[in-house]
Amino acid sequence: MVKVRKVPQRSCVACGRMRPKRELIRVVRTPAGEIKVDLTGKVSGRGAYVCPEAPCIERGVREGRLQHALGVAVPAEIAGELQRAVDLVAAGRR
């Protein structure tokens, strides 16, 4: 009998679409209260996932969806870091 592994699914905080965890970008609030973009998915803390697309990032930051999911105010520079992460993800797909 062949074992079929489940692929972990997460939903984007901006659009609500379910996607495999590896396709999304994780933003994490560390136990120290610091907000980071986590491309590895292994940083400890409270995480929220966003699609690697500009409209989802803008919506997540502008409408406060990331702030709500993480429970703290999201600094403006996180939006820039997310955009750089999108560029890295896009470069990796090609």
N, C-alpha and C. Protein backbone atom coordinates (compact mmCIF):
# COMPACT_ATOMS: atom_id res chain seq x y z
N MET A 1 0.83 -1.18 0.00
CA MET A 1 0.00 0.00 0.00
C MET A 1 0.88 1.25 0.00
N VAL A 2 0.62 2.15 -0.90
CA VAL A 2 1.39 3.38 -1.03
C VAL A 2 0.86 4.43 -0.06
N LYS A 3 1.78 5.04 0.68
CA LYS A 3 1.39 6.10 1.60
C LYS A 3 1.27 7.41 0.83
N VAL A 4 0.15 8.08 1.00
CA VAL A 4 -0.05 9.37 0.37
C VAL A 4 0.11 10.44 1.44
N ARG A 5 1.07 11.31 1.22
CA ARG A 5 1.32 12.37 2.19
C ARG A 5 0.39 13.54 1.94
N LYS A 6 -0.12 14.09 3.03
CA LYS A 6 -0.93 15.30 2.92
C LYS A 6 0.00 16.50 2.76
N VAL A 7 -0.39 17.41 1.91
CA VAL A 7 0.35 18.64 1.74
C VAL A 7 -0.30 19.68 2.66
N PRO A 8 0.48 20.27 3.59
CA PRO A 8 -0.12 21.25 4.50
C PRO A 8 -0.69 22.44 3.73
N GLN A 9 -1.91 22.82 4.07
CA GLN A 9 -2.60 23.94 3.42
C GLN A 9 -2.73 25.09 4.40
N ARG A 10 -2.60 26.31 3.91
CA ARG A 10 -2.80 27.51 4.70
C ARG A 10 -3.61 28.49 3.87
N SER A 11 -4.27 29.42 4.54
CA SER A 11 -5.04 30.42 3.80
C SER A 11 -4.36 31.77 3.89
N CYS A 12 -4.45 32.51 2.81
CA CYS A 12 -3.90 33.86 2.73
C CYS A 12 -4.78 34.79 3.57
N VAL A 13 -4.16 35.64 4.41
CA VAL A 13 -4.95 36.54 5.24
C VAL A 13 -5.62 37.62 4.43
N ALA A 14 -5.12 37.90 3.22
CA ALA A 14 -5.68 38.96 2.40
C ALA A 14 -6.84 38.48 1.53
N CYS A 15 -6.63 37.41 0.77
CA CYS A 15 -7.66 36.96 -0.17
C CYS A 15 -8.45 35.76 0.33
N GLY A 16 -7.91 35.04 1.32
CA GLY A 16 -8.61 33.90 1.88
C GLY A 16 -8.47 32.61 1.09
N ARG A 17 -7.70 32.63 0.02
CA ARG A 17 -7.54 31.44 -0.82
C ARG A 17 -6.63 30.42 -0.13
N MET A 18 -7.04 29.17 -0.16
CA MET A 18 -6.23 28.08 0.42
C MET A 18 -5.19 27.65 -0.61
N ARG A 19 -3.94 27.58 -0.15
CA ARG A 19 -2.85 27.15 -1.01
C ARG A 19 -1.89 26.30 -0.20
N PRO A 20 -1.05 25.51 -0.86
CA PRO A 20 -0.02 24.78 -0.12
C PRO A 20 0.87 25.75 0.64
N LYS A 21 1.24 25.36 1.84
CA LYS A 21 2.03 26.20 2.74
C LYS A 21 3.30 26.72 2.07
N ARG A 22 3.96 25.91 1.29
CA ARG A 22 5.22 26.29 0.64
C ARG A 22 5.06 27.39 -0.42
N GLU A 23 3.84 27.58 -0.92
CA GLU A 23 3.61 28.59 -1.96
C GLU A 23 3.35 29.98 -1.36
N LEU A 24 3.14 30.05 -0.05
CA LEU A 24 2.81 31.31 0.60
C LEU A 24 4.02 31.89 1.32
N ILE A 25 3.97 33.19 1.62
CA ILE A 25 5.01 33.86 2.38
C ILE A 25 4.50 34.03 3.81
N ARG A 26 5.34 33.65 4.76
CA ARG A 26 4.95 33.73 6.17
C ARG A 26 5.51 35.00 6.80
N VAL A 27 4.65 35.70 7.53
CA VAL A 27 5.05 36.84 8.34
C VAL A 27 4.85 36.39 9.78
N VAL A 28 5.86 36.59 10.61
CA VAL A 28 5.82 36.04 11.97
C VAL A 28 6.05 37.13 13.01
N ARG A 29 5.32 37.01 14.12
CA ARG A 29 5.59 37.82 15.31
C ARG A 29 6.35 36.92 16.27
N THR A 30 7.61 37.24 16.52
CA THR A 30 8.45 36.42 17.38
C THR A 30 8.01 36.57 18.83
N PRO A 31 8.43 35.65 19.70
CA PRO A 31 8.08 35.79 21.12
C PRO A 31 8.56 37.11 21.73
N ALA A 32 9.60 37.73 21.14
CA ALA A 32 10.09 39.02 21.62
C ALA A 32 9.24 40.18 21.11
N GLY A 33 8.28 39.90 20.22
CA GLY A 33 7.40 40.94 19.69
C GLY A 33 7.87 41.55 18.39
N GLU A 34 8.93 41.04 17.82
CA GLU A 34 9.48 41.54 16.58
C GLU A 34 8.71 40.95 15.39
N ILE A 35 8.49 41.74 14.35
CA ILE A 35 7.80 41.28 13.14
C ILE A 35 8.85 41.00 12.07
N LYS A 36 8.80 39.79 11.49
CA LYS A 36 9.77 39.39 10.46
C LYS A 36 9.06 38.70 9.31
N VAL A 37 9.68 38.77 8.14
CA VAL A 37 9.25 37.97 6.99
C VAL A 37 10.05 36.69 7.07
N ASP A 38 9.37 35.55 7.10
CA ASP A 38 10.01 34.25 7.30
C ASP A 38 9.86 33.41 6.03
N LEU A 39 10.91 33.38 5.22
CA LEU A 39 10.87 32.60 3.98
C LEU A 39 11.11 31.12 4.23
N THR A 40 11.70 30.78 5.37
CA THR A 40 11.98 29.38 5.67
C THR A 40 10.77 28.68 6.27
N GLY A 41 9.89 29.43 6.94
CA GLY A 41 8.73 28.84 7.59
C GLY A 41 9.06 28.18 8.90
N LYS A 42 10.24 28.46 9.46
CA LYS A 42 10.68 27.78 10.66
C LYS A 42 10.92 28.70 11.86
N VAL A 43 10.79 30.00 11.69
CA VAL A 43 11.00 30.92 12.80
C VAL A 43 9.87 30.73 13.81
N SER A 44 10.22 30.64 15.08
CA SER A 44 9.19 30.41 16.09
C SER A 44 8.39 31.69 16.33
N GLY A 45 7.11 31.51 16.59
CA GLY A 45 6.24 32.64 16.86
C GLY A 45 4.90 32.50 16.15
N ARG A 46 4.08 33.52 16.28
CA ARG A 46 2.76 33.56 15.67
C ARG A 46 2.89 33.94 14.20
N GLY A 47 2.39 33.10 13.31
CA GLY A 47 2.56 33.34 11.88
C GLY A 47 1.27 33.67 11.17
N ALA A 48 1.40 34.40 10.08
CA ALA A 48 0.29 34.70 9.18
C ALA A 48 0.84 34.53 7.76
N TYR A 49 0.02 34.04 6.86
CA TYR A 49 0.46 33.74 5.51
C TYR A 49 -0.18 34.67 4.49
N VAL A 50 0.63 35.06 3.48
CA VAL A 50 0.17 35.95 2.42
C VAL A 50 0.61 35.36 1.08
N CYS A 51 -0.25 35.47 0.08
CA CYS A 51 0.11 35.03 -1.27
C CYS A 51 1.29 35.85 -1.77
N PRO A 52 2.18 35.27 -2.57
CA PRO A 52 3.31 36.02 -3.11
C PRO A 52 2.91 36.86 -4.32
N GLU A 53 1.90 37.66 -4.15
CA GLU A 53 1.39 38.53 -5.21
C GLU A 53 1.19 39.93 -4.64
N ALA A 54 1.52 40.94 -5.43
CA ALA A 54 1.45 42.33 -4.97
C ALA A 54 0.06 42.73 -4.45
N PRO A 55 -1.04 42.38 -5.13
CA PRO A 55 -2.36 42.80 -4.62
C PRO A 55 -2.67 42.23 -3.23
N CYS A 56 -2.26 41.00 -2.97
CA CYS A 56 -2.52 40.41 -1.65
C CYS A 56 -1.70 41.10 -0.57
N ILE A 57 -0.46 41.42 -0.88
CA ILE A 57 0.39 42.10 0.10
C ILE A 57 -0.16 43.48 0.41
N GLU A 58 -0.52 44.22 -0.62
CA GLU A 58 -1.08 45.56 -0.42
C GLU A 58 -2.36 45.50 0.40
N ARG A 59 -3.21 44.57 0.08
CA ARG A 59 -4.49 44.44 0.79
C ARG A 59 -4.26 44.02 2.25
N GLY A 60 -3.35 43.11 2.47
CA GLY A 60 -3.06 42.65 3.83
C GLY A 60 -2.55 43.76 4.72
N VAL A 61 -1.70 44.61 4.18
CA VAL A 61 -1.14 45.72 4.95
C VAL A 61 -2.14 46.87 5.05
N ARG A 62 -2.73 47.26 3.91
CA ARG A 62 -3.63 48.42 3.87
C ARG A 62 -4.88 48.23 4.72
N GLU A 63 -5.49 47.06 4.63
CA GLU A 63 -6.73 46.81 5.36
C GLU A 63 -6.51 46.30 6.78
N GLY A 64 -5.26 46.15 7.19
CA GLY A 64 -4.96 45.72 8.55
C GLY A 64 -5.17 44.24 8.81
N ARG A 65 -5.21 43.44 7.77
CA ARG A 65 -5.44 42.01 7.96
C ARG A 65 -4.23 41.32 8.59
N LEU A 66 -3.03 41.75 8.21
CA LEU A 66 -1.83 41.20 8.86
C LEU A 66 -1.78 41.62 10.32
N GLN A 67 -2.11 42.87 10.57
CA GLN A 67 -2.12 43.39 11.94
C GLN A 67 -3.09 42.58 12.80
N HIS A 68 -4.26 42.30 12.27
CA HIS A 68 -5.26 41.54 13.01
C HIS A 68 -4.79 40.11 13.27
N ALA A 69 -4.20 39.48 12.26
CA ALA A 69 -3.75 38.09 12.40
C ALA A 69 -2.59 37.95 13.38
N LEU A 70 -1.71 38.95 13.42
CA LEU A 70 -0.54 38.88 14.29
C LEU A 70 -0.80 39.47 15.68
N GLY A 71 -1.81 40.29 15.80
CA GLY A 71 -2.16 40.86 17.10
C GLY A 71 -1.34 42.08 17.50
N VAL A 72 -0.52 42.60 16.59
CA VAL A 72 0.27 43.81 16.86
C VAL A 72 0.31 44.65 15.58
N ALA A 73 0.66 45.91 15.74
CA ALA A 73 0.79 46.80 14.58
C ALA A 73 1.95 46.34 13.71
N VAL A 74 1.73 46.34 12.41
CA VAL A 74 2.75 45.92 11.46
C VAL A 74 3.48 47.16 10.95
N PRO A 75 4.81 47.25 11.16
CA PRO A 75 5.57 48.41 10.70
C PRO A 75 5.52 48.57 9.18
N ALA A 76 5.67 49.79 8.71
CA ALA A 76 5.61 50.07 7.28
C ALA A 76 6.72 49.38 6.50
N GLU A 77 7.88 49.19 7.11
CA GLU A 77 9.00 48.57 6.38
C GLU A 77 8.75 47.10 6.08
N ILE A 78 7.81 46.48 6.76
CA ILE A 78 7.47 45.08 6.49
C ILE A 78 6.88 44.95 5.08
N ALA A 79 6.12 45.95 4.64
CA ALA A 79 5.56 45.92 3.28
C ALA A 79 6.69 45.87 2.25
N GLY A 80 7.75 46.63 2.47
CA GLY A 80 8.91 46.60 1.58
C GLY A 80 9.60 45.25 1.59
N GLU A 81 9.74 44.67 2.79
CA GLU A 81 10.36 43.35 2.89
C GLU A 81 9.51 42.30 2.19
N LEU A 82 8.19 42.42 2.31
CA LEU A 82 7.30 41.48 1.63
C LEU A 82 7.44 41.59 0.12
N GLN A 83 7.56 42.81 -0.38
CA GLN A 83 7.72 43.00 -1.83
C GLN A 83 9.02 42.38 -2.30
N ARG A 84 10.10 42.53 -1.51
CA ARG A 84 11.37 41.90 -1.87
C ARG A 84 11.24 40.38 -1.85
N ALA A 85 10.48 39.86 -0.89
CA ALA A 85 10.26 38.42 -0.81
C ALA A 85 9.49 37.92 -2.04
N VAL A 86 8.51 38.70 -2.49
CA VAL A 86 7.76 38.34 -3.71
C VAL A 86 8.72 38.29 -4.90
N ASP A 87 9.62 39.26 -4.99
CA ASP A 87 10.59 39.27 -6.08
C ASP A 87 11.49 38.04 -6.02
N LEU A 88 11.91 37.63 -4.81
CA LEU A 88 12.73 36.43 -4.66
C LEU A 88 11.97 35.19 -5.08
N VAL A 89 10.71 35.09 -4.66
CA VAL A 89 9.89 33.93 -5.01
C VAL A 89 9.68 33.87 -6.52
N ALA A 90 9.42 35.03 -7.12
CA ALA A 90 9.21 35.08 -8.56
C ALA A 90 10.49 34.68 -9.31
N ALA A 91 11.65 35.10 -8.83
CA ALA A 91 12.91 34.75 -9.47
C ALA A 91 13.18 33.25 -9.33
N GLY A 92 12.77 32.67 -8.21
CA GLY A 92 12.99 31.25 -7.98
C GLY A 92 12.12 30.36 -8.83
N ARG A 93 10.97 30.85 -9.24
CA ARG A 93 10.04 30.06 -10.05
C ARG A 93 10.47 29.97 -11.49
N ARG A 94 11.28 30.93 -11.94
CA ARG A 94 11.68 30.96 -13.36
C ARG A 94 12.82 30.08 -13.64
